[in-house]
Amino acid sequence: MTQYTIFEILPDGNLKISLNPDLTIDEIWEAWESEWWGLNEAEFCNGYFDVDDYQRHRIGALTASPIISDTVIDEETTSSEINKANVWWYPEYQFMDEHKELFLNGHIIFDKA
């Protein structure tokens, strides 16, 4: 599986998502195909999770922002596990498309929640 993006937890706890510098922008663009999942598939299959609407409810998130976690959040996840999970969100979601920022800057920062 090709790794199109690289996830890195920064010293301040935020999550930096960078385009893989070993790939051309054309290779990355082709993989994106208008889907967040396709672009980040390698990371989402390696310990990070895209938080869906049901999971948002479980963590009390009242935002339409993209959210990423390092913990599976489902009906079997306990409150204790949720409290220990790292969760990140994209606070600029109302003003800037996260995909556009990623492609324009080569990286994007998700704030630790």
PDB file of N, CA and C in Angstrom:
ATOM      1  N   MET A   1       0.842  -1.170   0.000  1.00  0.00           N
ATOM      2  CA  MET A   1       0.000   0.000   0.000  1.00  0.00           C
ATOM      3  C   MET A   1       0.895   1.243   0.000  1.00  0.00           C
ATOM      4  N   THR A   2       0.616   2.150  -0.892  1.00  0.00           N
ATOM      5  CA  THR A   2       1.391   3.382  -0.986  1.00  0.00           C
ATOM      6  C   THR A   2       0.973   4.346   0.110  1.00  0.00           C
ATOM      7  N   GLN A   3       1.942   4.970   0.740  1.00  0.00           N
ATOM      8  CA  GLN A   3       1.664   5.952   1.785  1.00  0.00           C
ATOM      9  C   GLN A   3       1.719   7.341   1.156  1.00  0.00           C
ATOM     10  N   TYR A   4       0.554   7.936   0.937  1.00  0.00           N
ATOM     11  CA  TYR A   4       0.464   9.241   0.291  1.00  0.00           C
ATOM     12  C   TYR A   4       0.655  10.389   1.272  1.00  0.00           C
ATOM     13  N   THR A   5       0.297  10.140   2.523  1.00  0.00           N
ATOM     14  CA  THR A   5       0.465  11.161   3.558  1.00  0.00           C
ATOM     15  C   THR A   5       1.223  10.567   4.738  1.00  0.00           C
ATOM     16  N   ILE A   6       1.803  11.456   5.529  1.00  0.00           N
ATOM     17  CA  ILE A   6       2.542  11.056   6.720  1.00  0.00           C
ATOM     18  C   ILE A   6       1.937  11.799   7.905  1.00  0.00           C
ATOM     19  N   PHE A   7       1.531  11.058   8.939  1.00  0.00           N
ATOM     20  CA  PHE A   7       0.971  11.640  10.152  1.00  0.00           C
ATOM     21  C   PHE A   7       2.089  11.750  11.186  1.00  0.00           C
ATOM     22  N   GLU A   8       2.155  12.899  11.825  1.00  0.00           N
ATOM     23  CA  GLU A   8       3.179  13.139  12.849  1.00  0.00           C
ATOM     24  C   GLU A   8       2.563  13.920  14.005  1.00  0.00           C
ATOM     25  N   ILE A   9       2.695  13.380  15.210  1.00  0.00           N
ATOM     26  CA  ILE A   9       2.230  14.102  16.395  1.00  0.00           C
ATOM     27  C   ILE A   9       3.334  15.080  16.787  1.00  0.00           C
ATOM     28  N   LEU A  10       2.994  16.353  16.817  1.00  0.00           N
ATOM     29  CA  LEU A  10       3.947  17.412  17.135  1.00  0.00           C
ATOM     30  C   LEU A  10       4.137  17.544  18.645  1.00  0.00           C
ATOM     31  N   PRO A  11       5.210  18.197  19.085  1.00  0.00           N
ATOM     32  CA  PRO A  11       5.449  18.355  20.527  1.00  0.00           C
ATOM     33  C   PRO A  11       4.289  19.014  21.283  1.00  0.00           C
ATOM     34  N   ASP A  12       3.514  19.875  20.612  1.00  0.00           N
ATOM     35  CA  ASP A  12       2.374  20.517  21.279  1.00  0.00           C
ATOM     36  C   ASP A  12       1.124  19.641  21.283  1.00  0.00           C
ATOM     37  N   GLY A  13       1.240  18.420  20.740  1.00  0.00           N
ATOM     38  CA  GLY A  13       0.123  17.482  20.728  1.00  0.00           C
ATOM     39  C   GLY A  13      -0.728  17.536  19.478  1.00  0.00           C
ATOM     40  N   ASN A  14      -0.538  18.560  18.640  1.00  0.00           N
ATOM     41  CA  ASN A  14      -1.286  18.649  17.391  1.00  0.00           C
ATOM     42  C   ASN A  14      -0.809  17.585  16.413  1.00  0.00           C
ATOM     43  N   LEU A  15      -1.630  17.301  15.414  1.00  0.00           N
ATOM     44  CA  LEU A  15      -1.320  16.294  14.411  1.00  0.00           C
ATOM     45  C   LEU A  15      -1.011  16.976  13.082  1.00  0.00           C
ATOM     46  N   LYS A  16       0.189  16.738  12.581  1.00  0.00           N
ATOM     47  CA  LYS A  16       0.590  17.282  11.287  1.00  0.00           C
ATOM     48  C   LYS A  16       0.435  16.183  10.241  1.00  0.00           C
ATOM     49  N   ILE A  17      -0.296  16.499   9.186  1.00  0.00           N
ATOM     50  CA  ILE A  17      -0.463  15.578   8.068  1.00  0.00           C
ATOM     51  C   ILE A  17       0.270  16.195   6.886  1.00  0.00           C
ATOM     52  N   SER A  18       1.283  15.488   6.395  1.00  0.00           N
ATOM     53  CA  SER A  18       2.105  15.989   5.296  1.00  0.00           C
ATOM     54  C   SER A  18       1.972  15.088   4.082  1.00  0.00           C
ATOM     55  N   LEU A  19       2.076  15.695   2.907  1.00  0.00           N
ATOM     56  CA  LEU A  19       2.152  14.902   1.691  1.00  0.00           C
ATOM     57  C   LEU A  19       3.485  14.184   1.669  1.00  0.00           C
ATOM     58  N   ASN A  20       3.507  12.968   1.192  1.00  0.00           N
ATOM     59  CA  ASN A  20       4.741  12.186   1.126  1.00  0.00           C
ATOM     60  C   ASN A  20       5.693  12.835   0.124  1.00  0.00           C
ATOM     61  N   PRO A  21       6.867  13.304   0.571  1.00  0.00           N
ATOM     62  CA  PRO A  21       7.797  14.000  -0.332  1.00  0.00           C
ATOM     63  C   PRO A  21       8.434  13.076  -1.372  1.00  0.00           C
ATOM     64  N   ASP A  22       8.308  11.773  -1.192  1.00  0.00           N
ATOM     65  CA  ASP A  22       8.881  10.822  -2.152  1.00  0.00           C
ATOM     66  C   ASP A  22       7.990  10.592  -3.369  1.00  0.00           C
ATOM     67  N   LEU A  23       6.786  11.175  -3.349  1.00  0.00           N
ATOM     68  CA  LEU A  23       5.845  10.993  -4.449  1.00  0.00           C
ATOM     69  C   LEU A  23       5.638  12.303  -5.191  1.00  0.00           C
ATOM     70  N   THR A  24       5.279  12.207  -6.452  1.00  0.00           N
ATOM     71  CA  THR A  24       4.969  13.424  -7.210  1.00  0.00           C
ATOM     72  C   THR A  24       3.563  13.882  -6.856  1.00  0.00           C
ATOM     73  N   ILE A  25       3.295  15.150  -7.092  1.00  0.00           N
ATOM     74  CA  ILE A  25       1.962  15.677  -6.814  1.00  0.00           C
ATOM     75  C   ILE A  25       0.929  14.986  -7.693  1.00  0.00           C
ATOM     76  N   ASP A  26       1.315  14.581  -8.898  1.00  0.00           N
ATOM     77  CA  ASP A  26       0.393  13.863  -9.783  1.00  0.00           C
ATOM     78  C   ASP A  26       0.011  12.507  -9.203  1.00  0.00           C
ATOM     79  N   GLU A  27       0.970  11.797  -8.618  1.00  0.00           N
ATOM     80  CA  GLU A  27       0.680  10.503  -7.996  1.00  0.00           C
ATOM     81  C   GLU A  27      -0.290  10.678  -6.822  1.00  0.00           C
ATOM     82  N   ILE A  28      -0.045  11.708  -6.034  1.00  0.00           N
ATOM     83  CA  ILE A  28      -0.892  11.959  -4.866  1.00  0.00           C
ATOM     84  C   ILE A  28      -2.281  12.407  -5.309  1.00  0.00           C
ATOM     85  N   TRP A  29      -2.338  13.283  -6.291  1.00  0.00           N
ATOM     86  CA  TRP A  29      -3.620  13.778  -6.781  1.00  0.00           C
ATOM     87  C   TRP A  29      -4.472  12.639  -7.330  1.00  0.00           C
ATOM     88  N   GLU A  30      -3.853  11.741  -8.069  1.00  0.00           N
ATOM     89  CA  GLU A  30      -4.565  10.592  -8.632  1.00  0.00           C
ATOM     90  C   GLU A  30      -5.150   9.716  -7.528  1.00  0.00           C
ATOM     91  N   ALA A  31      -4.411   9.556  -6.451  1.00  0.00           N
ATOM     92  CA  ALA A  31      -4.871   8.719  -5.338  1.00  0.00           C
ATOM     93  C   ALA A  31      -6.011   9.380  -4.572  1.00  0.00           C
ATOM     94  N   TRP A  32      -6.003  10.680  -4.543  1.00  0.00           N
ATOM     95  CA  TRP A  32      -6.994  11.398  -3.753  1.00  0.00           C
ATOM     96  C   TRP A  32      -8.407  11.131  -4.254  1.00  0.00           C
ATOM     97  N   GLU A  33      -8.640  11.326  -5.530  1.00  0.00           N
ATOM     98  CA  GLU A  33      -9.952  11.064  -6.133  1.00  0.00           C
ATOM     99  C   GLU A  33     -11.093  11.630  -5.298  1.00  0.00           C
ATOM    100  N   SER A  34     -10.887  12.816  -4.759  1.00  0.00           N
ATOM    101  CA  SER A  34     -11.916  13.511  -3.980  1.00  0.00           C
ATOM    102  C   SER A  34     -12.311  12.806  -2.690  1.00  0.00           C
ATOM    103  N   GLU A  35     -11.470  11.930  -2.196  1.00  0.00           N
ATOM    104  CA  GLU A  35     -11.804  11.233  -0.958  1.00  0.00           C
ATOM    105  C   GLU A  35     -10.698  11.361   0.067  1.00  0.00           C
ATOM    106  N   TRP A  36     -11.065  11.772   1.259  1.00  0.00           N
ATOM    107  CA  TRP A  36     -10.122  11.872   2.368  1.00  0.00           C
ATOM    108  C   TRP A  36      -9.547  10.504   2.692  1.00  0.00           C
ATOM    109  N   TRP A  37     -10.405   9.469   2.669  1.00  0.00           N
ATOM    110  CA  TRP A  37      -9.972   8.117   3.022  1.00  0.00           C
ATOM    111  C   TRP A  37      -8.868   7.633   2.086  1.00  0.00           C
ATOM    112  N   GLY A  38      -9.055   7.769   0.778  1.00  0.00           N
ATOM    113  CA  GLY A  38      -8.077   7.262  -0.181  1.00  0.00           C
ATOM    114  C   GLY A  38      -6.711   7.881  -0.004  1.00  0.00           C
ATOM    115  N   LEU A  39      -6.683   9.145   0.310  1.00  0.00           N
ATOM    116  CA  LEU A  39      -5.424   9.852   0.489  1.00  0.00           C
ATOM    117  C   LEU A  39      -4.691   9.398   1.751  1.00  0.00           C
ATOM    118  N   ASN A  40      -5.441   9.061   2.773  1.00  0.00           N
ATOM    119  CA  ASN A  40      -4.861   8.710   4.080  1.00  0.00           C
ATOM    120  C   ASN A  40      -5.012   7.238   4.426  1.00  0.00           C
ATOM    121  N   GLU A  41      -5.303   6.409   3.439  1.00  0.00           N
ATOM    122  CA  GLU A  41      -5.595   5.000   3.693  1.00  0.00           C
ATOM    123  C   GLU A  41      -4.492   4.292   4.481  1.00  0.00           C
ATOM    124  N   ALA A  42      -3.236   4.526   4.142  1.00  0.00           N
ATOM    125  CA  ALA A  42      -2.135   3.853   4.839  1.00  0.00           C
ATOM    126  C   ALA A  42      -2.127   4.204   6.326  1.00  0.00           C
ATOM    127  N   GLU A  43      -2.386   5.459   6.655  1.00  0.00           N
ATOM    128  CA  GLU A  43      -2.415   5.872   8.064  1.00  0.00           C
ATOM    129  C   GLU A  43      -3.685   5.383   8.754  1.00  0.00           C
ATOM    130  N   PHE A  44      -4.822   5.408   8.032  1.00  0.00           N
ATOM    131  CA  PHE A  44      -6.085   4.951   8.613  1.00  0.00           C
ATOM    132  C   PHE A  44      -6.087   3.440   8.807  1.00  0.00           C
ATOM    133  N   CYS A  45      -5.170   2.736   8.180  1.00  0.00           N
ATOM    134  CA  CYS A  45      -5.032   1.286   8.385  1.00  0.00           C
ATOM    135  C   CYS A  45      -3.879   0.983   9.340  1.00  0.00           C
ATOM    136  N   ASN A  46      -3.314   2.024   9.948  1.00  0.00           N
ATOM    137  CA  ASN A  46      -2.135   1.840  10.788  1.00  0.00           C
ATOM    138  C   ASN A  46      -2.242   2.623  12.096  1.00  0.00           C
ATOM    139  N   GLY A  47      -3.408   2.586  12.738  1.00  0.00           N
ATOM    140  CA  GLY A  47      -3.515   3.162  14.067  1.00  0.00           C
ATOM    141  C   GLY A  47      -4.243   4.482  14.174  1.00  0.00           C
ATOM    142  N   TYR A  48      -4.659   5.055  13.056  1.00  0.00           N
ATOM    143  CA  TYR A  48      -5.449   6.294  13.091  1.00  0.00           C
ATOM    144  C   TYR A  48      -6.819   6.001  12.506  1.00  0.00           C
ATOM    145  N   PHE A  49      -7.827   6.766  12.953  1.00  0.00           N
ATOM    146  CA  PHE A  49      -9.190   6.500  12.544  1.00  0.00           C
ATOM    147  C   PHE A  49      -9.915   7.800  12.211  1.00  0.00           C
ATOM    148  N   ASP A  50     -10.651   7.774  11.120  1.00  0.00           N
ATOM    149  CA  ASP A  50     -11.508   8.874  10.715  1.00  0.00           C
ATOM    150  C   ASP A  50     -12.775   8.768  11.561  1.00  0.00           C
ATOM    151  N   VAL A  51     -13.095   9.794  12.321  1.00  0.00           N
ATOM    152  CA  VAL A  51     -14.231   9.752  13.240  1.00  0.00           C
ATOM    153  C   VAL A  51     -15.516  10.069  12.473  1.00  0.00           C
ATOM    154  N   ASP A  52     -16.445   9.111  12.460  1.00  0.00           N
ATOM    155  CA  ASP A  52     -17.693   9.304  11.723  1.00  0.00           C
ATOM    156  C   ASP A  52     -18.759   9.933  12.622  1.00  0.00           C
ATOM    157  N   ASP A  53     -19.964  10.113  12.080  1.00  0.00           N
ATOM    158  CA  ASP A  53     -21.029  10.792  12.821  1.00  0.00           C
ATOM    159  C   ASP A  53     -21.387  10.084  14.125  1.00  0.00           C
ATOM    160  N   TYR A  54     -21.463   8.759  14.104  1.00  0.00           N
ATOM    161  CA  TYR A  54     -21.784   8.032  15.333  1.00  0.00           C
ATOM    162  C   TYR A  54     -20.695   8.244  16.376  1.00  0.00           C
ATOM    163  N   GLN A  55     -19.444   8.168  15.954  1.00  0.00           N
ATOM    164  CA  GLN A  55     -18.329   8.338  16.880  1.00  0.00           C
ATOM    165  C   GLN A  55     -18.302   9.752  17.447  1.00  0.00           C
ATOM    166  N   ARG A  56     -18.656  10.749  16.648  1.00  0.00           N
ATOM    167  CA  ARG A  56     -18.708  12.132  17.129  1.00  0.00           C
ATOM    168  C   ARG A  56     -19.638  12.233  18.328  1.00  0.00           C
ATOM    169  N   HIS A  57     -20.776  11.573  18.227  1.00  0.00           N
ATOM    170  CA  HIS A  57     -21.740  11.583  19.318  1.00  0.00           C
ATOM    171  C   HIS A  57     -21.130  10.974  20.584  1.00  0.00           C
ATOM    172  N   ARG A  58     -20.365   9.905  20.428  1.00  0.00           N
ATOM    173  CA  ARG A  58     -19.754   9.225  21.581  1.00  0.00           C
ATOM    174  C   ARG A  58     -18.727  10.094  22.288  1.00  0.00           C
ATOM    175  N   ILE A  59     -18.043  10.975  21.548  1.00  0.00           N
ATOM    176  CA  ILE A  59     -17.012  11.818  22.171  1.00  0.00           C
ATOM    177  C   ILE A  59     -17.524  13.226  22.476  1.00  0.00           C
ATOM    178  N   GLY A  60     -18.793  13.492  22.159  1.00  0.00           N
ATOM    179  CA  GLY A  60     -19.383  14.791  22.464  1.00  0.00           C
ATOM    180  C   GLY A  60     -18.977  15.897  21.513  1.00  0.00           C
ATOM    181  N   ALA A  61     -18.553  15.547  20.324  1.00  0.00           N
ATOM    182  CA  ALA A  61     -18.137  16.557  19.341  1.00  0.00           C
ATOM    183  C   ALA A  61     -19.361  17.147  18.654  1.00  0.00           C
ATOM    184  N   LEU A  62     -19.478  18.459  18.718  1.00  0.00           N
ATOM    185  CA  LEU A  62     -20.602  19.152  18.089  1.00  0.00           C
ATOM    186  C   LEU A  62     -20.091  20.002  16.931  1.00  0.00           C
ATOM    187  N   THR A  63     -19.359  19.385  16.034  1.00  0.00           N
ATOM    188  CA  THR A  63     -18.764  20.100  14.921  1.00  0.00           C
ATOM    189  C   THR A  63     -18.854  19.254  13.656  1.00  0.00           C
ATOM    190  N   ALA A  64     -18.855  19.920  12.527  1.00  0.00           N
ATOM    191  CA  ALA A  64     -18.823  19.224  11.228  1.00  0.00           C
ATOM    192  C   ALA A  64     -17.392  19.076  10.729  1.00  0.00           C
ATOM    193  N   SER A  65     -16.438  19.507  11.533  1.00  0.00           N
ATOM    194  CA  SER A  65     -15.026  19.419  11.178  1.00  0.00           C
ATOM    195  C   SER A  65     -14.596  17.978  10.988  1.00  0.00           C
ATOM    196  N   PRO A  66     -13.638  17.738  10.080  1.00  0.00           N
ATOM    197  CA  PRO A  66     -13.028  16.410  10.043  1.00  0.00           C
ATOM    198  C   PRO A  66     -12.356  16.141  11.395  1.00  0.00           C
ATOM    199  N   ILE A  67     -12.503  14.921  11.894  1.00  0.00           N
ATOM    200  CA  ILE A  67     -11.921  14.540  13.175  1.00  0.00           C
ATOM    201  C   ILE A  67     -11.167  13.229  12.991  1.00  0.00           C
ATOM    202  N   ILE A  68      -9.996  13.155  13.596  1.00  0.00           N
ATOM    203  CA  ILE A  68      -9.165  11.955  13.550  1.00  0.00           C
ATOM    204  C   ILE A  68      -8.866  11.540  14.983  1.00  0.00           C
ATOM    205  N   SER A  69      -8.833  10.228  15.218  1.00  0.00           N
ATOM    206  CA  SER A  69      -8.513   9.701  16.540  1.00  0.00           C
ATOM    207  C   SER A  69      -7.489   8.584  16.397  1.00  0.00           C
ATOM    208  N   ASP A  70      -6.820   8.274  17.505  1.00  0.00           N
ATOM    209  CA  ASP A  70      -5.907   7.130  17.514  1.00  0.00           C
ATOM    210  C   ASP A  70      -6.550   5.933  18.211  1.00  0.00           C
ATOM    211  N   THR A  71      -7.855   6.022  18.437  1.00  0.00           N
ATOM    212  CA  THR A  71      -8.594   4.966  19.115  1.00  0.00           C
ATOM    213  C   THR A  71      -9.878   4.667  18.352  1.00  0.00           C
ATOM    214  N   VAL A  72     -10.182   3.391  18.204  1.00  0.00           N
ATOM    215  CA  VAL A  72     -11.473   3.019  17.628  1.00  0.00           C
ATOM    216  C   VAL A  72     -12.550   3.428  18.620  1.00  0.00           C
ATOM    217  N   ILE A  73     -13.550   4.138  18.134  1.00  0.00           N
ATOM    218  CA  ILE A  73     -14.654   4.554  18.995  1.00  0.00           C
ATOM    219  C   ILE A  73     -15.922   3.945  18.418  1.00  0.00           C
ATOM    220  N   ASP A  74     -16.454   2.955  19.127  1.00  0.00           N
ATOM    221  CA  ASP A  74     -17.684   2.304  18.685  1.00  0.00           C
ATOM    222  C   ASP A  74     -18.527   1.970  19.906  1.00  0.00           C
ATOM    223  N   GLU A  75     -19.573   1.193  19.716  1.00  0.00           N
ATOM    224  CA  GLU A  75     -20.480   0.898  20.829  1.00  0.00           C
ATOM    225  C   GLU A  75     -19.816   0.095  21.945  1.00  0.00           C
ATOM    226  N   GLU A  76     -18.673  -0.539  21.666  1.00  0.00           N
ATOM    227  CA  GLU A  76     -17.975  -1.323  22.688  1.00  0.00           C
ATOM    228  C   GLU A  76     -16.881  -0.526  23.410  1.00  0.00           C
ATOM    229  N   THR A  77     -16.612   0.672  22.948  1.00  0.00           N
ATOM    230  CA  THR A  77     -15.574   1.499  23.566  1.00  0.00           C
ATOM    231  C   THR A  77     -16.104   2.078  24.871  1.00  0.00           C
ATOM    232  N   THR A  78     -15.353   1.887  25.943  1.00  0.00           N
ATOM    233  CA  THR A  78     -15.780   2.386  27.252  1.00  0.00           C
ATOM    234  C   THR A  78     -15.484   3.875  27.379  1.00  0.00           C
ATOM    235  N   SER A  79     -16.128   4.516  28.327  1.00  0.00           N
ATOM    236  CA  SER A  79     -15.876   5.936  28.607  1.00  0.00           C
ATOM    237  C   SER A  79     -14.422   6.161  28.985  1.00  0.00           C
ATOM    238  N   SER A  80     -13.848   5.229  29.733  1.00  0.00           N
ATOM    239  CA  SER A  80     -12.448   5.323  30.136  1.00  0.00           C
ATOM    240  C   SER A  80     -11.524   5.312  28.913  1.00  0.00           C
ATOM    241  N   GLU A  81     -11.818   4.437  27.950  1.00  0.00           N
ATOM    242  CA  GLU A  81     -11.009   4.372  26.724  1.00  0.00           C
ATOM    243  C   GLU A  81     -11.157   5.651  25.905  1.00  0.00           C
ATOM    244  N   ILE A  82     -12.368   6.174  25.847  1.00  0.00           N
ATOM    245  CA  ILE A  82     -12.600   7.422  25.113  1.00  0.00           C
ATOM    246  C   ILE A  82     -11.828   8.567  25.757  1.00  0.00           C
ATOM    247  N   ASN A  83     -11.831   8.612  27.088  1.00  0.00           N
ATOM    248  CA  ASN A  83     -11.117   9.683  27.792  1.00  0.00           C
ATOM    249  C   ASN A  83      -9.611   9.625  27.578  1.00  0.00           C
ATOM    250  N   LYS A  84      -9.069   8.454  27.286  1.00  0.00           N
ATOM    251  CA  LYS A  84      -7.637   8.288  27.053  1.00  0.00           C
ATOM    252  C   LYS A  84      -7.250   8.494  25.589  1.00  0.00           C
ATOM    253  N   ALA A  85      -8.235   8.547  24.710  1.00  0.00           N
ATOM    254  CA  ALA A  85      -7.969   8.646  23.269  1.00  0.00           C
ATOM    255  C   ALA A  85      -7.408  10.015  22.900  1.00  0.00           C
ATOM    256  N   ASN A  86      -6.514  10.022  21.934  1.00  0.00           N
ATOM    257  CA  ASN A  86      -6.093  11.275  21.325  1.00  0.00           C
ATOM    258  C   ASN A  86      -7.069  11.573  20.192  1.00  0.00           C
ATOM    259  N   VAL A  87      -7.561  12.807  20.170  1.00  0.00           N
ATOM    260  CA  VAL A  87      -8.515  13.235  19.146  1.00  0.00           C
ATOM    261  C   VAL A  87      -8.035  14.570  18.604  1.00  0.00           C
ATOM    262  N   TRP A  88      -8.081  14.695  17.274  1.00  0.00           N
ATOM    263  CA  TRP A  88      -7.666  15.940  16.609  1.00  0.00           C
ATOM    264  C   TRP A  88      -8.761  16.398  15.664  1.00  0.00           C
ATOM    265  N   TRP A  89      -8.886  17.716  15.502  1.00  0.00           N
ATOM    266  CA  TRP A  89      -9.886  18.267  14.602  1.00  0.00           C
ATOM    267  C   TRP A  89      -9.280  19.406  13.794  1.00  0.00           C
ATOM    268  N   TYR A  90      -9.951  19.750  12.701  1.00  0.00           N
ATOM    269  CA  TYR A  90      -9.481  20.805  11.797  1.00  0.00           C
ATOM    270  C   TYR A  90     -10.320  22.057  12.039  1.00  0.00           C
ATOM    271  N   PRO A  91      -9.827  23.009  12.858  1.00  0.00           N
ATOM    272  CA  PRO A  91     -10.641  24.154  13.263  1.00  0.00           C
ATOM    273  C   PRO A  91     -10.985  25.129  12.134  1.00  0.00           C
ATOM    274  N   GLU A  92     -10.257  25.097  11.042  1.00  0.00           N
ATOM    275  CA  GLU A  92     -10.508  26.037   9.942  1.00  0.00           C
ATOM    276  C   GLU A  92     -11.533  25.509   8.940  1.00  0.00           C
ATOM    277  N   TYR A  93     -12.230  24.439   9.291  1.00  0.00           N
ATOM    278  CA  TYR A  93     -13.098  23.761   8.332  1.00  0.00           C
ATOM    279  C   TYR A  93     -14.175  24.663   7.733  1.00  0.00           C
ATOM    280  N   GLN A  94     -14.600  25.715   8.433  1.00  0.00           N
ATOM    281  CA  GLN A  94     -15.634  26.604   7.913  1.00  0.00           C
ATOM    282  C   GLN A  94     -15.086  27.590   6.879  1.00  0.00           C
ATOM    283  N   PHE A  95     -13.774  27.773   6.872  1.00  0.00           N
ATOM    284  CA  PHE A  95     -13.168  28.787   6.011  1.00  0.00           C
ATOM    285  C   PHE A  95     -12.266  28.225   4.923  1.00  0.00           C
ATOM    286  N   MET A  96     -11.694  27.051   5.163  1.00  0.00           N
ATOM    287  CA  MET A  96     -10.726  26.482   4.226  1.00  0.00           C
ATOM    288  C   MET A  96     -10.946  24.978   4.133  1.00  0.00           C
ATOM    289  N   ASP A  97     -11.017  24.479   2.925  1.00  0.00           N
ATOM    290  CA  ASP A  97     -11.136  23.051   2.702  1.00  0.00           C
ATOM    291  C   ASP A  97      -9.819  22.382   3.095  1.00  0.00           C
ATOM    292  N   GLU A  98      -9.903  21.330   3.908  1.00  0.00           N
ATOM    293  CA  GLU A  98      -8.682  20.673   4.393  1.00  0.00           C
ATOM    294  C   GLU A  98      -7.858  20.077   3.257  1.00  0.00           C
ATOM    295  N   HIS A  99      -8.514  19.598   2.217  1.00  0.00           N
ATOM    296  CA  HIS A  99      -7.782  19.036   1.082  1.00  0.00           C
ATOM    297  C   HIS A  99      -7.020  20.137   0.339  1.00  0.00           C
ATOM    298  N   LYS A 100      -7.693  21.264   0.166  1.00  0.00           N
ATOM    299  CA  LYS A 100      -7.064  22.385  -0.541  1.00  0.00           C
ATOM    300  C   LYS A 100      -5.835  22.871   0.225  1.00  0.00           C
ATOM    301  N   GLU A 101      -5.974  23.010   1.539  1.00  0.00           N
ATOM    302  CA  GLU A 101      -4.832  23.454   2.343  1.00  0.00           C
ATOM    303  C   GLU A 101      -3.689  22.449   2.272  1.00  0.00           C
ATOM    304  N   LEU A 102      -4.011  21.164   2.328  1.00  0.00           N
ATOM    305  CA  LEU A 102      -2.987  20.122   2.256  1.00  0.00           C
ATOM    306  C   LEU A 102      -2.219  20.203   0.938  1.00  0.00           C
ATOM    307  N   PHE A 103      -2.940  20.363  -0.165  1.00  0.00           N
ATOM    308  CA  PHE A 103      -2.278  20.424  -1.467  1.00  0.00           C
ATOM    309  C   PHE A 103      -1.551  21.750  -1.682  1.00  0.00           C
ATOM    310  N   LEU A 104      -2.080  22.844  -1.161  1.00  0.00           N
ATOM    311  CA  LEU A 104      -1.416  24.147  -1.321  1.00  0.00           C
ATOM    312  C   LEU A 104      -0.143  24.255  -0.489  1.00  0.00           C
ATOM    313  N   ASN A 105      -0.192  23.768   0.746  1.00  0.00           N
ATOM    314  CA  ASN A 105       0.927  23.946   1.670  1.00  0.00           C
ATOM    315  C   ASN A 105       1.822  22.709   1.818  1.00  0.00           C
ATOM    316  N   GLY A 106       1.348  21.566   1.345  1.00  0.00           N
ATOM    317  CA  GLY A 106       2.108  20.331   1.514  1.00  0.00           C
ATOM    318  C   GLY A 106       1.895  19.682   2.867  1.00  0.00           C
ATOM    319  N   HIS A 107       1.162  20.367   3.735  1.00  0.00           N
ATOM    320  CA  HIS A 107       0.825  19.803   5.047  1.00  0.00           C
ATOM    321  C   HIS A 107      -0.393  20.532   5.601  1.00  0.00           C
ATOM    322  N   ILE A 108      -0.931  19.958   6.640  1.00  0.00           N
ATOM    323  CA  ILE A 108      -2.079  20.543   7.332  1.00  0.00           C
ATOM    324  C   ILE A 108      -1.941  20.189   8.811  1.00  0.00           C
ATOM    325  N   ILE A 109      -2.427  21.063   9.673  1.00  0.00           N
ATOM    326  CA  ILE A 109      -2.366  20.815  11.108  1.00  0.00           C
ATOM    327  C   ILE A 109      -3.785  20.597  11.642  1.00  0.00           C
ATOM    328  N   PHE A 110      -3.968  19.482  12.335  1.00  0.00           N
ATOM    329  CA  PHE A 110      -5.206  19.225  13.065  1.00  0.00           C
ATOM    330  C   PHE A 110      -4.903  19.506  14.527  1.00  0.00           C
ATOM    331  N   ASP A 111      -5.740  20.329  15.163  1.00  0.00           N
ATOM    332  CA  ASP A 111      -5.535  20.678  16.569  1.00  0.00           C
ATOM    333  C   ASP A 111      -5.958  19.541  17.488  1.00  0.00           C
ATOM    334  N   LYS A 112      -5.191  19.359  18.554  1.00  0.00           N
ATOM    335  CA  LYS A 112      -5.556  18.350  19.565  1.00  0.00           C
ATOM    336  C   LYS A 112      -6.791  18.854  20.294  1.00  0.00           C
ATOM    337  N   ALA A 113      -7.774  17.978  20.428  1.00  0.00           N
ATOM    338  CA  ALA A 113      -9.021  18.354  21.109  1.00  0.00           C
ATOM    339  C   ALA A 113      -8.885  18.125  22.604  1.00  0.00           C
TER     340      ALA A 113
END
